[in-house]
C-alpha atoms as a PDB file:
ATOM      1  CA  MET A   1       0.000   0.000   0.000  1.00  0.00           C
ATOM      2  CA  ASP A   2       1.267   3.497  -0.942  1.00  0.00           C
ATOM      3  CA  THR A   3       0.360   6.958   0.325  1.00  0.00           C
ATOM      4  CA  ASP A   4       1.320  10.517  -0.628  1.00  0.00           C
ATOM      5  CA  SER A   5       4.147  10.132   1.896  1.00  0.00           C
ATOM      6  CA  GLY A   6       5.525   7.038   0.228  1.00  0.00           C
ATOM      7  CA  PRO A   7       5.108   3.273   0.583  1.00  0.00           C
ATOM      8  CA  VAL A   8       3.613   2.066   3.858  1.00  0.00           C
ATOM      9  CA  VAL A   9       5.663  -0.460   5.795  1.00  0.00           C
ATOM     10  CA  ALA A  10       3.853  -2.754   8.223  1.00  0.00           C
ATOM     11  CA  CYS A  11       5.942  -3.676  11.263  1.00  0.00           C
ATOM     12  CA  THR A  12       4.601  -6.549  13.364  1.00  0.00           C
ATOM     13  CA  MET A  13       5.671  -7.187  16.943  1.00  0.00           C
ATOM     14  CA  CYS A  14       6.077 -10.819  17.967  1.00  0.00           C
ATOM     15  CA  ALA A  15       6.516 -11.551  21.680  1.00  0.00           C
ATOM     16  CA  PRO A  16       6.572 -15.340  22.276  1.00  0.00           C
ATOM     17  CA  LEU A  17       4.665 -16.460  25.388  1.00  0.00           C
ATOM     18  CA  ALA A  18       6.705 -19.101  27.185  1.00  0.00           C
ATOM     19  CA  ASN A  19       4.818 -21.525  29.487  1.00  0.00           C
ATOM     20  CA  PHE A  20       1.504 -20.527  27.873  1.00  0.00           C
ATOM     21  CA  SER A  21      -1.022 -22.945  26.372  1.00  0.00           C
ATOM     22  CA  TYR A  22      -4.132 -22.158  24.350  1.00  0.00           C
ATOM     23  CA  GLU A  23      -6.057 -24.499  22.064  1.00  0.00           C
ATOM     24  CA  GLY A  24      -7.283 -21.703  19.811  1.00  0.00           C
ATOM     25  CA  ASP A  25      -5.323 -20.084  17.005  1.00  0.00           C
ATOM     26  CA  SER A  26      -6.092 -16.429  17.719  1.00  0.00           C
ATOM     27  CA  LEU A  27      -7.362 -14.294  20.589  1.00  0.00           C
ATOM     28  CA  SER A  28      -8.225 -10.643  19.946  1.00  0.00           C
ATOM     29  CA  ILE A  29      -7.462  -8.529  23.007  1.00  0.00           C
ATOM     30  CA  GLY A  30      -8.276  -4.965  22.011  1.00  0.00           C
ATOM     31  CA  ASN A  31      -6.321  -1.844  21.068  1.00  0.00           C
ATOM     32  CA  GLY A  32      -5.039  -3.738  18.031  1.00  0.00           C
ATOM     33  CA  TYR A  33      -3.303  -6.399  20.155  1.00  0.00           C
ATOM     34  CA  SER A  34      -3.831 -10.125  19.851  1.00  0.00           C
ATOM     35  CA  ILE A  35      -2.418 -13.474  20.926  1.00  0.00           C
ATOM     36  CA  ASP A  36      -1.906 -15.721  17.902  1.00  0.00           C
ATOM     37  CA  ARG A  37      -0.339 -19.040  17.111  1.00  0.00           C
ATOM     38  CA  ILE A  38       3.243 -18.593  15.908  1.00  0.00           C
ATOM     39  CA  THR A  39       3.508 -19.251  12.176  1.00  0.00           C
ATOM     40  CA  ASP A  40       6.290 -21.250  10.558  1.00  0.00           C
ATOM     41  CA  THR A  41       7.661 -18.059   8.997  1.00  0.00           C
ATOM     42  CA  GLU A  42       7.744 -16.320  12.370  1.00  0.00           C
ATOM     43  CA  ARG A  43       9.393 -19.314  13.998  1.00  0.00           C
ATOM     44  CA  ASP A  44      12.149 -19.282  11.357  1.00  0.00           C
ATOM     45  CA  ARG A  45      12.684 -15.558  11.888  1.00  0.00           C
ATOM     46  CA  LEU A  46      12.756 -15.978  15.669  1.00  0.00           C
ATOM     47  CA  ALA A  47      15.210 -18.867  15.385  1.00  0.00           C
ATOM     48  CA  THR A  48      17.591 -16.628  13.431  1.00  0.00           C
ATOM     49  CA  TRP A  49      17.915 -14.471  16.534  1.00  0.00           C
ATOM     50  CA  GLY A  50      17.965 -17.312  19.056  1.00  0.00           C
ATOM     51  CA  ALA A  51      14.429 -16.591  20.213  1.00  0.00           C
ATOM     52  CA  SER A  52      12.605 -19.780  19.275  1.00  0.00           C
ATOM     53  CA  SER A  53      11.455 -22.669  21.424  1.00  0.00           C
ATOM     54  CA  ASP A  54       9.539 -25.776  20.357  1.00  0.00           C
ATOM     55  CA  GLU A  55       7.393 -25.600  23.496  1.00  0.00           C
ATOM     56  CA  THR A  56       6.259 -22.041  22.730  1.00  0.00           C
ATOM     57  CA  THR A  57       3.190 -22.019  20.493  1.00  0.00           C
ATOM     58  CA  HIS A  58       1.688 -18.528  20.819  1.00  0.00           C
ATOM     59  CA  ALA A  59       2.894 -14.930  20.825  1.00  0.00           C
ATOM     60  CA  ILE A  60       1.573 -11.441  21.489  1.00  0.00           C
ATOM     61  CA  HIS A  61       1.177  -9.515  18.236  1.00  0.00           C
ATOM     62  CA  SER A  62       0.583  -5.887  17.328  1.00  0.00           C
ATOM     63  CA  THR A  63       1.184  -4.061  14.046  1.00  0.00           C
ATOM     64  CA  ARG A  64       2.098  -0.443  13.341  1.00  0.00           C
ATOM     65  CA  TYR A  65       2.422   1.245   9.962  1.00  0.00           C
ATOM     66  CA  MET A  66       5.208   3.583   8.885  1.00  0.00           C
ATOM     67  CA  THR A  67       6.423   5.300   5.736  1.00  0.00           C
ATOM     68  CA  ALA A  68      10.031   5.525   4.644  1.00  0.00           C
ATOM     69  CA  ASP A  69      10.139   9.338   4.571  1.00  0.00           C
ATOM     70  CA  MET A  70       8.785   9.945   8.065  1.00  0.00           C
ATOM     71  CA  THR A  71      10.647  12.490  10.154  1.00  0.00           C
ATOM     72  CA  SER A  72      12.249  11.291  13.378  1.00  0.00           C
ATOM     73  CA  ASP A  73       9.400  12.845  15.388  1.00  0.00           C
ATOM     74  CA  GLU A  74       6.785  11.143  13.231  1.00  0.00           C
ATOM     75  CA  TRP A  75       8.646   7.852  13.530  1.00  0.00           C
ATOM     76  CA  GLU A  76       8.681   8.107  17.322  1.00  0.00           C
ATOM     77  CA  ALA A  77       4.975   8.995  17.355  1.00  0.00           C
ATOM     78  CA  VAL A  78       3.986   5.732  15.703  1.00  0.00           C
ATOM     79  CA  ARG A  79       6.270   3.783  18.023  1.00  0.00           C
ATOM     80  CA  HIS A  80       3.833   4.445  20.840  1.00  0.00           C
ATOM     81  CA  PRO A  81       2.692   2.457  22.539  1.00  0.00           C
ATOM     82  CA  HIS A  82       6.196   1.060  22.677  1.00  0.00           C
ATOM     83  CA  PRO A  83       6.454  -2.682  21.851  1.00  0.00           C
ATOM     84  CA  GLY A  84       7.882  -3.235  25.315  1.00  0.00           C
ATOM     85  CA  TRP A  85       4.834  -1.539  26.847  1.00  0.00           C
ATOM     86  CA  VAL A  86       2.471  -3.719  24.786  1.00  0.00           C
ATOM     87  CA  LYS A  87       4.229  -6.851  26.023  1.00  0.00           C
ATOM     88  CA  ARG A  88       4.125  -5.624  29.609  1.00  0.00           C
ATOM     89  CA  ALA A  89       0.448  -4.608  29.470  1.00  0.00           C
ATOM     90  CA  VAL A  90      -0.724  -7.898  27.971  1.00  0.00           C
ATOM     91  CA  THR A  91       1.307 -10.118  30.297  1.00  0.00           C
ATOM     92  CA  THR A  92       0.177  -8.057  33.298  1.00  0.00           C
ATOM     93  CA  ALA A  93      -3.444  -8.528  32.229  1.00  0.00           C
ATOM     94  CA  LEU A  94      -2.904 -12.279  31.877  1.00  0.00           C
ATOM     95  CA  HIS A  95      -1.405 -12.443  35.370  1.00  0.00           C
ATOM     96  CA  LEU A  96      -4.254 -10.375  36.807  1.00  0.00           C
ATOM     97  CA  HIS A  97      -6.751 -12.682  35.107  1.00  0.00           C
ATOM     98  CA  LYS A  98      -5.594 -15.916  36.739  1.00  0.00           C
ATOM     99  CA  THR A  99      -2.695 -17.614  38.428  1.00  0.00           C
ATOM    100  CA  GLY A 100       0.047 -19.296  36.415  1.00  0.00           C
ATOM    101  CA  CYS A 101       3.664 -18.831  35.428  1.00  0.00           C
ATOM    102  CA  LEU A 102       4.167 -17.347  31.967  1.00  0.00           C
ATOM    103  CA  THR A 103       6.941 -15.116  30.710  1.00  0.00           C
ATOM    104  CA  VAL A 104       8.092 -13.271  27.572  1.00  0.00           C
ATOM    105  CA  PRO A 105      11.895 -13.527  27.243  1.00  0.00           C
ATOM    106  CA  TRP A 106      11.934 -11.823  23.825  1.00  0.00           C
ATOM    107  CA  VAL A 107      10.133  -9.010  22.045  1.00  0.00           C
ATOM    108  CA  ILE A 108      11.044  -8.691  18.357  1.00  0.00           C
ATOM    109  CA  GLU A 109       9.390  -6.534  15.720  1.00  0.00           C
ATOM    110  CA  PHE A 110       9.762  -7.465  12.058  1.00  0.00           C
ATOM    111  CA  ALA A 111       9.149  -5.497   8.880  1.00  0.00           C
ATOM    112  CA  GLU A 112       7.343  -7.249   6.064  1.00  0.00           C
ATOM    113  CA  ASP A 113      10.628  -8.321   4.474  1.00  0.00           C
ATOM    114  CA  GLY A 114      11.770  -9.976   7.707  1.00  0.00           C
ATOM    115  CA  ARG A 115      14.152  -7.257   8.881  1.00  0.00           C
ATOM    116  CA  PRO A 116      14.022  -6.738  12.669  1.00  0.00           C
ATOM    117  CA  THR A 117      13.015  -3.153  13.476  1.00  0.00           C
ATOM    118  CA  PHE A 118      13.003  -3.561  17.255  1.00  0.00           C
ATOM    119  CA  MET A 119      14.496  -6.102  19.655  1.00  0.00           C
ATOM    120  CA  MET A 120      14.637  -6.533  23.409  1.00  0.00           C
ATOM    121  CA  GLY A 121      15.253  -9.573  25.594  1.00  0.00           C
ATOM    122  CA  THR A 122      17.748 -12.379  26.013  1.00  0.00           C
ATOM    123  CA  PRO A 123      18.750 -15.131  23.561  1.00  0.00           C
ATOM    124  CA  VAL A 124      19.311 -17.614  26.416  1.00  0.00           C
ATOM    125  CA  ILE A 125      16.511 -20.102  25.717  1.00  0.00           C
ATOM    126  CA  ASP A 126      17.501 -22.278  28.691  1.00  0.00           C
ATOM    127  CA  VAL A 127      15.663 -19.883  31.005  1.00  0.00           C
ATOM    128  CA  TRP A 128      12.360 -20.881  29.377  1.00  0.00           C
ATOM    129  CA  ARG A 129      10.793 -23.580  31.505  1.00  0.00           C
ATOM    130  CA  SER A 130       9.475 -26.507  29.467  1.00  0.00           C
ATOM    131  CA  ALA A 131       6.494 -27.101  31.753  1.00  0.00           C
ATOM    132  CA  ILE A 132       3.301 -25.324  30.702  1.00  0.00           C
ATOM    133  CA  ASP A 133       2.055 -23.515  33.779  1.00  0.00           C
ATOM    134  CA  TYR A 134      -0.485 -21.066  32.330  1.00  0.00           C
ATOM    135  CA  SER A 135      -3.468 -22.601  30.573  1.00  0.00           C
ATOM    136  CA  PHE A 136      -5.887 -20.326  28.718  1.00  0.00           C
ATOM    137  CA  THR A 137      -9.190 -21.915  27.628  1.00  0.00           C
ATOM    138  CA  ALA A 138     -12.363 -20.922  25.828  1.00  0.00           C
ATOM    139  CA  ASP A 139     -13.960 -20.242  29.217  1.00  0.00           C
ATOM    140  CA  ASP A 140     -11.344 -17.531  29.841  1.00  0.00           C
ATOM    141  CA  ILE A 141     -12.111 -15.492  26.716  1.00  0.00           C
ATOM    142  CA  GLU A 142     -15.022 -13.384  27.950  1.00  0.00           C
ATOM    143  CA  PRO A 143     -13.714 -12.815  31.524  1.00  0.00           C
ATOM    144  CA  PHE A 144     -10.333 -11.789  30.137  1.00  0.00           C
ATOM    145  CA  ALA A 145     -11.929  -9.425  27.608  1.00  0.00           C
ATOM    146  CA  ARG A 146     -13.942  -7.843  30.414  1.00  0.00           C
ATOM    147  CA  LEU A 147     -10.825  -7.455  32.562  1.00  0.00           C
ATOM    148  CA  TRP A 148      -8.990  -5.789  29.664  1.00  0.00           C
ATOM    149  CA  ARG A 149     -11.820  -3.308  29.097  1.00  0.00           C
ATOM    150  CA  GLU A 150     -12.044  -2.428  32.783  1.00  0.00           C
ATOM    151  CA  CYS A 151      -8.400  -2.444  33.814  1.00  0.00           C
ATOM    152  CA  SER A 152      -6.141  -1.713  30.839  1.00  0.00           C
ATOM    153  CA  PRO A 153      -6.421   2.125  31.109  1.00  0.00           C
ATOM    154  CA  GLY A 154      -4.879   1.780  34.551  1.00  0.00           C
ATOM    155  CA  PHE A 155      -1.864  -0.042  33.105  1.00  0.00           C
ATOM    156  CA  ALA A 156      -0.613   3.272  31.691  1.00  0.00           C
ATOM    157  CA  ASP A 157      -0.977   5.071  35.025  1.00  0.00           C
ATOM    158  CA  ASP A 158       2.414   5.980  36.470  1.00  0.00           C
ATOM    159  CA  ARG A 159       1.021   5.670  39.990  1.00  0.00           C
ATOM    160  CA  LEU A 160       0.488   1.947  39.506  1.00  0.00           C
ATOM    161  CA  SER A 161       3.373   1.077  37.165  1.00  0.00           C
ATOM    162  CA  LEU A 162       5.835  -0.162  39.810  1.00  0.00           C
ATOM    163  CA  SER A 163       3.208  -2.226  41.605  1.00  0.00           C
ATOM    164  CA  LEU A 164       1.921  -3.799  38.385  1.00  0.00           C
ATOM    165  CA  TYR A 165       5.461  -4.542  37.161  1.00  0.00           C
ATOM    166  CA  ARG A 166       6.524  -6.186  40.424  1.00  0.00           C
ATOM    167  CA  PHE A 167       3.312  -8.186  40.684  1.00  0.00           C
ATOM    168  CA  ALA A 168       3.776  -9.613  37.178  1.00  0.00           C
ATOM    169  CA  LYS A 169       7.436 -10.333  37.928  1.00  0.00           C
ATOM    170  CA  GLY A 170       6.441 -12.133  41.120  1.00  0.00           C
ATOM    171  CA  CYS A 171       4.028 -14.332  39.173  1.00  0.00           C
ATOM    172  CA  GLU A 172       6.880 -15.441  36.897  1.00  0.00           C
ATOM    173  CA  THR A 173       9.226 -16.766  39.596  1.00  0.00           C
ATOM    174  CA  ALA A 174       9.331 -19.582  42.134  1.00  0.00           C
ATOM    175  CA  ALA A 175       7.158 -19.155  45.209  1.00  0.00           C
ATOM    176  CA  ALA A 176       9.919 -18.197  47.667  1.00  0.00           C
ATOM    177  CA  ASP A 177      11.395 -15.531  45.386  1.00  0.00           C
ATOM    178  CA  SER A 178       7.993 -14.343  44.233  1.00  0.00           C
ATOM    179  CA  LEU A 179       7.072 -13.088  47.703  1.00  0.00           C
ATOM    180  CA  ILE A 180       9.821 -10.460  47.534  1.00  0.00           C
ATOM    181  CA  ASP A 181       8.380  -9.011  44.325  1.00  0.00           C
ATOM    182  CA  LEU A 182       4.789  -9.344  45.523  1.00  0.00           C
ATOM    183  CA  MET A 183       5.608  -7.423  48.698  1.00  0.00           C
ATOM    184  CA  ILE A 184       7.346  -4.649  46.742  1.00  0.00           C
ATOM    185  CA  ALA A 185       4.137  -4.441  44.698  1.00  0.00           C
ATOM    186  CA  ALA A 186       2.064  -4.205  47.879  1.00  0.00           C
ATOM    187  CA  GLU A 187       4.274  -1.530  49.418  1.00  0.00           C
ATOM    188  CA  ALA A 188       4.137   0.519  46.210  1.00  0.00           C
ATOM    189  CA  LEU A 189       0.342   0.238  46.216  1.00  0.00           C
ATOM    190  CA  PHE A 190      -0.472   0.761  49.884  1.00  0.00           C
ATOM    191  CA  LEU A 191       2.488   2.606  51.433  1.00  0.00           C
ATOM    192  CA  LYS A 192       3.627   6.051  50.393  1.00  0.00           C
ATOM    193  CA  GLU A 193       5.508   6.808  53.586  1.00  0.00           C
ATOM    194  CA  SER A 194       8.362   5.320  55.593  1.00  0.00           C
ATOM    195  CA  GLY A 195       8.512   4.811  59.328  1.00  0.00           C
ATOM    196  CA  PHE A 196       7.361   2.276  61.863  1.00  0.00           C
ATOM    197  CA  GLU A 197       4.641  -0.391  61.804  1.00  0.00           C
ATOM    198  CA  LEU A 198       4.670  -0.608  58.019  1.00  0.00           C
ATOM    199  CA  ASN A 199       3.401  -4.197  58.126  1.00  0.00           C
ATOM    200  CA  TYR A 200       0.422  -3.068  60.211  1.00  0.00           C
ATOM    201  CA  ARG A 201      -0.377  -0.130  57.920  1.00  0.00           C
ATOM    202  CA  MET A 202      -0.074  -2.148  54.743  1.00  0.00           C
ATOM    203  CA  ALA A 203      -2.218  -5.001  56.077  1.00  0.00           C
ATOM    204  CA  LEU A 204      -4.890  -2.658  57.466  1.00  0.00           C
ATOM    205  CA  ARG A 205      -5.184  -0.656  54.242  1.00  0.00           C
ATOM    206  CA  MET A 206      -5.377  -3.781  52.118  1.00  0.00           C
ATOM    207  CA  ALA A 207      -8.080  -5.203  54.395  1.00  0.00           C
ATOM    208  CA  PHE A 208     -10.301  -2.118  54.121  1.00  0.00           C
ATOM    209  CA  PHE A 209      -9.597  -1.743  50.395  1.00  0.00           C
ATOM    210  CA  LEU A 210     -10.699  -5.290  49.586  1.00  0.00           C
ATOM    211  CA  GLU A 211     -13.391  -6.249  52.072  1.00  0.00           C
ATOM    212  CA  ASP A 212     -16.547  -4.851  53.698  1.00  0.00           C
ATOM    213  CA  THR A 213     -17.192  -6.964  56.788  1.00  0.00           C
ATOM    214  CA  PRO A 214     -15.078  -7.190  59.969  1.00  0.00           C
ATOM    215  CA  ARG A 215     -14.568 -10.955  59.598  1.00  0.00           C
ATOM    216  CA  GLU A 216     -13.380 -10.692  55.988  1.00  0.00           C
ATOM    217  CA  ARG A 217     -11.157  -7.741  56.813  1.00  0.00           C
ATOM    218  CA  MET A 218      -9.543  -9.650  59.665  1.00  0.00           C
ATOM    219  CA  THR A 219      -8.784 -12.563  57.316  1.00  0.00           C
ATOM    220  CA  VAL A 220      -7.082 -10.253  54.795  1.00  0.00           C
ATOM    221  CA  PHE A 221      -5.276  -8.398  57.572  1.00  0.00           C
ATOM    222  CA  GLU A 222      -3.798 -11.581  59.050  1.00  0.00           C
ATOM    223  CA  THR A 223      -2.780 -12.991  55.656  1.00  0.00           C
ATOM    224  CA  ALA A 224      -1.074  -9.742  54.605  1.00  0.00           C
ATOM    225  CA  LYS A 225       0.700  -9.341  57.948  1.00  0.00           C
ATOM    226  CA  ASN A 226       1.923 -12.963  57.913  1.00  0.00           C
ATOM    227  CA  ALA A 227       3.201 -12.504  54.348  1.00  0.00           C
ATOM    228  CA  TYR A 228       5.014  -9.291  55.312  1.00  0.00           C
ATOM    229  CA  ASN A 229       6.695 -10.994  58.281  1.00  0.00           C
ATOM    230  CA  LEU A 230       7.655 -13.997  56.127  1.00  0.00           C
ATOM    231  CA  ARG A 231       9.205 -11.700  53.521  1.00  0.00           C
ATOM    232  CA  SER A 232      11.210  -9.937  56.247  1.00  0.00           C
ATOM    233  CA  LYS A 233      12.597 -13.257  57.480  1.00  0.00           C
ATOM    234  CA  MET A 234      13.521 -14.233  53.912  1.00  0.00           C
ATOM    235  CA  VAL A 235      15.409 -11.056  53.054  1.00  0.00           C
ATOM    236  CA  HIS A 236      17.278 -11.164  56.383  1.00  0.00           C
ATOM    237  CA  GLY A 237      18.361 -14.765  55.838  1.00  0.00           C
ATOM    238  CA  GLN A 238      16.373 -16.240  58.716  1.00  0.00           C
ATOM    239  CA  VAL A 239      14.572 -18.721  56.437  1.00  0.00           C
ATOM    240  CA  GLY A 240      15.106 -20.028  52.923  1.00  0.00           C
ATOM    241  CA  ALA A 241      17.940 -21.609  50.944  1.00  0.00           C
ATOM    242  CA  GLY A 242      21.264 -21.896  52.737  1.00  0.00           C
ATOM    243  CA  ARG A 243      19.698 -21.324  56.152  1.00  0.00           C
ATOM    244  CA  LYS A 244      16.613 -22.857  57.694  1.00  0.00           C
ATOM    245  CA  ARG A 245      13.913 -24.311  55.525  1.00  0.00           C
ATOM    246  CA  SER A 246      10.878 -22.178  54.878  1.00  0.00           C
ATOM    247  CA  PRO A 247       8.351 -22.488  57.718  1.00  0.00           C
ATOM    248  CA  ARG A 248       5.366 -24.775  57.340  1.00  0.00           C
ATOM    249  CA  GLY A 249       2.594 -23.125  55.403  1.00  0.00           C
ATOM    250  CA  ALA A 250       4.905 -20.639  53.649  1.00  0.00           C
ATOM    251  CA  VAL A 251       3.785 -21.591  50.141  1.00  0.00           C
ATOM    252  CA  THR A 252       0.136 -21.357  51.202  1.00  0.00           C
ATOM    253  CA  THR A 253       0.759 -17.885  52.638  1.00  0.00           C
ATOM    254  CA  ILE A 254       2.524 -16.736  49.476  1.00  0.00           C
ATOM    255  CA  LYS A 255      -0.224 -18.027  47.185  1.00  0.00           C
ATOM    256  CA  ALA A 256      -2.917 -16.452  49.372  1.00  0.00           C
ATOM    257  CA  PHE A 257      -1.074 -13.128  49.284  1.00  0.00           C
ATOM    258  CA  GLU A 258      -0.681 -13.350  45.490  1.00  0.00           C
ATOM    259  CA  HIS A 259      -4.457 -13.793  45.259  1.00  0.00           C
ATOM    260  CA  LEU A 260      -5.035 -10.705  47.432  1.00  0.00           C
ATOM    261  CA  MET A 261      -2.652  -8.623  45.327  1.00  0.00           C
ATOM    262  CA  ARG A 262      -4.375  -9.793  42.144  1.00  0.00           C
ATOM    263  CA  ARG A 263      -7.698  -8.526  43.519  1.00  0.00           C
ATOM    264  CA  ALA A 264      -6.177  -5.279  44.808  1.00  0.00           C
ATOM    265  CA  LEU A 265      -4.490  -4.386  41.520  1.00  0.00           C
ATOM    266  CA  ARG A 266      -7.587  -5.195  39.497  1.00  0.00           C
ATOM    267  CA  ARG A 267      -9.605  -2.842  41.658  1.00  0.00           C
ATOM    268  CA  ALA A 268      -6.914  -0.159  41.707  1.00  0.00           C
ATOM    269  CA  SER A 269      -6.444  -0.309  37.908  1.00  0.00           C
ATOM    270  CA  THR A 270     -10.159   0.341  37.488  1.00  0.00           C
ATOM    271  CA  HIS A 271     -10.346   2.922  40.248  1.00  0.00           C
ATOM    272  CA  VAL A 272      -7.516   5.230  39.160  1.00  0.00           C
ATOM    273  CA  GLN A 273      -9.418   6.153  36.009  1.00  0.00           C
ATOM    274  CA  ASN A 274     -11.832   8.253  38.076  1.00  0.00           C
ATOM    275  CA  GLU A 275     -10.125   8.894  41.399  1.00  0.00           C
ATOM    276  CA  SER A 276      -6.764  10.010  42.698  1.00  0.00           C
ATOM    277  CA  TRP A 277      -4.267   7.450  43.931  1.00  0.00           C
ATOM    278  CA  PRO A 278      -3.259   6.742  46.581  1.00  0.00           C
ATOM    279  CA  PRO A 279      -6.281   7.848  48.600  1.00  0.00           C
ATOM    280  CA  GLU A 280      -5.937   9.521  51.949  1.00  0.00           C
ATOM    281  CA  TRP A 281      -5.894   6.217  53.763  1.00  0.00           C
ATOM    282  CA  GLU A 282      -7.065   7.478  57.152  1.00  0.00           C
ATOM    283  CA  ASP A 283     -10.070   9.181  55.562  1.00  0.00           C
ATOM    284  CA  PHE A 284     -10.747   6.059  53.536  1.00  0.00           C
ATOM    285  CA  ILE A 285     -10.605   3.743  56.558  1.00  0.00           C
ATOM    286  CA  PHE A 286     -12.668   5.974  58.858  1.00  0.00           C
ATOM    287  CA  SER A 287     -15.299   6.335  56.146  1.00  0.00           C
ATOM    288  CA  ASP A 288     -15.564   2.521  56.360  1.00  0.00           C
ATOM    289  CA  GLY A 289     -13.738   1.885  53.117  1.00  0.00           C
ATOM    290  CA  HIS A 290     -15.692   4.192  50.807  1.00  0.00           C
ATOM    291  CA  PHE A 291     -14.053   6.415  48.216  1.00  0.00           C
ATOM    292  CA  GLY A 292     -15.283   9.946  47.928  1.00  0.00           C
ATOM    293  CA  ALA A 293     -16.760   9.968  51.430  1.00  0.00           C
ATOM    294  CA  THR A 294     -16.656  13.096  53.587  1.00  0.00           C
ATOM    295  CA  PRO A 295     -13.275  13.253  55.344  1.00  0.00           C
ATOM    296  CA  VAL A 296     -13.230  12.694  59.076  1.00  0.00           C
ATOM    297  CA  PRO A 297     -13.009  16.122  60.780  1.00  0.00           C
ATOM    298  CA  GLU A 298      -9.900  16.901  62.745  1.00  0.00           C
ATOM    299  CA  LYS A 299     -10.166  16.626  66.501  1.00  0.00           C
ATOM    300  CA  ARG A 300     -10.395  20.051  68.136  1.00  0.00           C
END
């Protein structure tokens, strides 16, 4: 296709999804993004750059169109959203949708003639685990589409970027290591200050943010506080590899905390589109967990 500005070049991003299984051939996500089965041509191109794996069947795709005589500013304009951002947004959405370990070691963009126009990642295929840990089925299509519609605007919000990034990273690692990333995500989401009793503040805010009844809030509070204390023991060498074994129930605590963070980030990603973040937590808690409520008056 040609325009007044010259021939149009279609550049297609291909980000292979390691540890991901899907029986379908194509899944439209929105915003021009999709998850499609890797073609033989793509696999040959990926193999040229050391980015192919027989166990990897699907990839994230998006296409942008450029002309040869674009100015540098025009070229940068069509590069947004950046291929790296597309990969991060889609994988974050998949992690928020359900539990499972998937990762994208490579992001490569190819022009129509096969030339790479963008590359990021590592050619070390050994880091791709052969086991398929993230299974996407036909039953996931509508819930995932709904999540994307509701949450994806929040993925571009700078106030949530660190928390979303660390949460996704935590979902891609072994349970013991994942807690460190999950707790960084929680601190970025619920703590904007330093000081004492951070575990208490984080757990209390998460409890009121997620639940409405005292019993449910207490359950969240205890899970979050136990996870915070377990993370502290891990980073100070009190438990884990090379020292003592992880305490009984550690994996259960980590998985329960991952579930809480999944819920919290889904709600926050939807909420930041209409409200400021973070909220004034004391006002939020004393208004019984309602946004936009009248602030509690100062004591005279």
